[in-house]
Amino acid sequence: QVLLVESGGGLVQPGGSVRLSCAASGFTVRSPFSNFAMSWYRQAPGKEREWVAGIIGNGRATKYANSVEGRFTISRDNVKKMLFLQMDNLRSEDTAVYYCYATWTSREFWGQGTQVIVSS
């Protein structure tokens, strides 16, 4: 059973940085972690969940929402089965619960989320 566990959230000042991590487990030889495209989503209070950034299985291609392009960096470590989101130059509008998401073929998995609050 695939399990995604996010960590690294917290309170950060505007302009600051934080690094989110997502530890993945439960992958098999037939369904290895490296097969799964990974993404970060976020959900701000009172708003719908939105996609933030994505990375393909081998890590060689990434994509970002316009709102975070140039400020956030997604990366992965397939040996350690980890996903990361480096968030720099944070703004108050980045305040949200951030979720790790994995997908391959028809399968998809979500983490439980980690909260990031950007406030002075």
Protein backbone atom coordinates (compact mmCIF):
# COMPACT_ATOMS: atom_id res chain seq x y z
CA GLN A 1 0.00 0.00 0.00
CA VAL A 2 1.45 3.32 -1.10
CA LEU A 3 1.86 5.92 1.60
CA LEU A 4 2.89 9.55 1.11
CA VAL A 5 3.87 11.59 4.15
CA GLU A 6 4.60 15.31 3.86
CA SER A 7 6.70 17.31 6.29
CA GLY A 8 8.48 20.65 6.55
CA GLY A 9 5.58 23.05 6.80
CA GLY A 10 5.27 25.78 9.38
CA LEU A 11 5.19 29.52 9.90
CA VAL A 12 7.50 31.59 7.71
CA GLN A 13 7.85 35.33 7.13
CA PRO A 14 7.12 36.92 3.76
CA GLY A 15 10.23 36.70 1.61
CA GLY A 16 11.42 33.66 3.48
CA SER A 17 12.03 30.09 2.38
CA VAL A 18 10.89 26.64 3.36
CA ARG A 19 11.54 23.17 2.00
CA LEU A 20 8.77 20.61 1.95
CA SER A 21 9.47 16.89 1.83
CA CYS A 22 7.32 13.94 0.90
CA ALA A 23 8.43 10.48 1.99
CA ALA A 24 6.99 7.74 -0.18
CA SER A 25 6.68 4.07 0.72
CA GLY A 26 4.83 0.95 -0.32
CA PHE A 27 6.05 0.86 -3.92
CA THR A 28 6.85 -2.51 -5.48
CA VAL A 29 9.20 -3.89 -8.09
CA ARG A 30 6.31 -3.92 -10.56
CA SER A 31 5.25 -0.40 -9.57
CA PRO A 32 8.45 1.36 -8.59
CA PHE A 33 8.51 4.91 -7.30
CA SER A 34 10.47 5.99 -10.36
CA ASN A 35 7.50 5.15 -12.60
CA PHE A 36 5.27 7.65 -10.88
CA ALA A 37 4.92 11.26 -11.91
CA MET A 38 4.80 13.38 -8.78
CA SER A 39 3.19 16.71 -8.06
CA TRP A 40 2.60 19.20 -5.31
CA TYR A 41 -0.86 20.65 -4.88
CA ARG A 42 -2.06 23.22 -2.38
CA GLN A 43 -5.35 24.31 -0.89
CA ALA A 44 -5.75 27.73 0.66
CA PRO A 45 -8.54 28.46 3.15
CA GLY A 46 -11.85 28.81 1.34
CA LYS A 47 -10.37 27.90 -2.03
CA GLU A 48 -10.22 24.82 -4.21
CA ARG A 49 -7.15 22.64 -4.33
CA GLU A 50 -4.75 23.75 -7.06
CA TRP A 51 -1.80 22.18 -8.79
CA VAL A 52 1.55 23.82 -7.96
CA ALA A 53 4.34 21.84 -9.61
CA GLY A 54 5.02 18.50 -11.26
CA ILE A 55 7.98 16.26 -12.07
CA ILE A 56 8.20 13.17 -14.24
CA GLY A 57 9.45 9.81 -13.03
CA ASN A 58 13.10 10.19 -13.94
CA GLY A 59 13.19 13.77 -12.70
CA ARG A 60 14.36 15.21 -16.00
CA ALA A 61 11.37 17.42 -16.63
CA THR A 62 9.45 19.75 -14.36
CA LYS A 63 6.60 22.17 -14.72
CA TYR A 64 5.18 24.92 -12.54
CA ALA A 65 2.06 26.94 -12.09
CA ASN A 66 2.49 30.52 -13.24
CA SER A 67 1.99 31.78 -9.71
CA VAL A 68 5.10 29.97 -8.41
CA GLU A 69 7.34 29.87 -11.49
CA GLY A 70 10.81 31.16 -10.60
CA ARG A 71 10.19 30.93 -6.84
CA PHE A 72 9.53 27.21 -6.25
CA THR A 73 11.65 24.23 -7.27
CA ILE A 74 10.39 20.65 -7.35
CA SER A 75 12.83 17.75 -7.19
CA ARG A 76 12.92 14.07 -6.33
CA ASP A 77 15.31 11.40 -5.10
CA ASN A 78 14.27 8.06 -6.54
CA VAL A 79 16.78 6.11 -4.47
CA LYS A 80 15.41 7.50 -1.20
CA LYS A 81 11.85 7.67 -2.57
CA MET A 82 11.51 11.33 -1.66
CA LEU A 83 9.85 14.34 -3.26
CA PHE A 84 10.80 17.91 -2.40
CA LEU A 85 9.50 21.41 -2.91
CA GLN A 86 11.90 24.28 -2.28
CA MET A 87 9.84 27.41 -1.76
CA ASP A 88 11.64 30.75 -1.90
CA ASN A 89 10.51 34.37 -1.77
CA LEU A 90 7.30 33.30 -0.12
CA ARG A 91 4.23 35.50 -0.21
CA SER A 92 1.14 35.64 1.97
CA GLU A 93 -0.86 34.13 -0.89
CA ASP A 94 1.29 31.00 -0.67
CA THR A 95 -0.39 30.19 2.64
CA ALA A 96 -2.06 26.81 2.19
CA VAL A 97 -2.00 23.15 3.01
CA TYR A 98 0.44 21.50 0.62
CA TYR A 99 -0.18 17.97 -0.65
CA CYS A 100 2.07 15.41 -2.28
CA TYR A 101 0.51 13.49 -5.19
CA ALA A 102 1.66 10.43 -7.12
CA THR A 103 0.19 9.03 -10.31
CA TRP A 104 0.98 6.26 -12.80
CA THR A 105 -1.42 4.59 -15.22
CA SER A 106 -4.77 4.66 -13.46
CA ARG A 107 -3.34 4.79 -9.97
CA GLU A 108 -3.14 7.93 -7.88
CA PHE A 109 -2.22 8.59 -4.28
CA TRP A 110 -2.38 11.61 -1.99
CA GLY A 111 -0.57 12.54 1.16
CA GLN A 112 -2.29 14.00 4.19
CA GLY A 113 -0.84 17.48 3.69
CA THR A 114 1.43 19.88 5.53
CA GLN A 115 0.47 23.45 6.35
CA VAL A 116 2.51 26.47 5.33
CA ILE A 117 1.61 29.85 6.79
CA VAL A 118 3.31 32.92 5.40
CA SER A 119 2.87 35.78 7.80
CA SER A 120 4.84 38.43 9.64
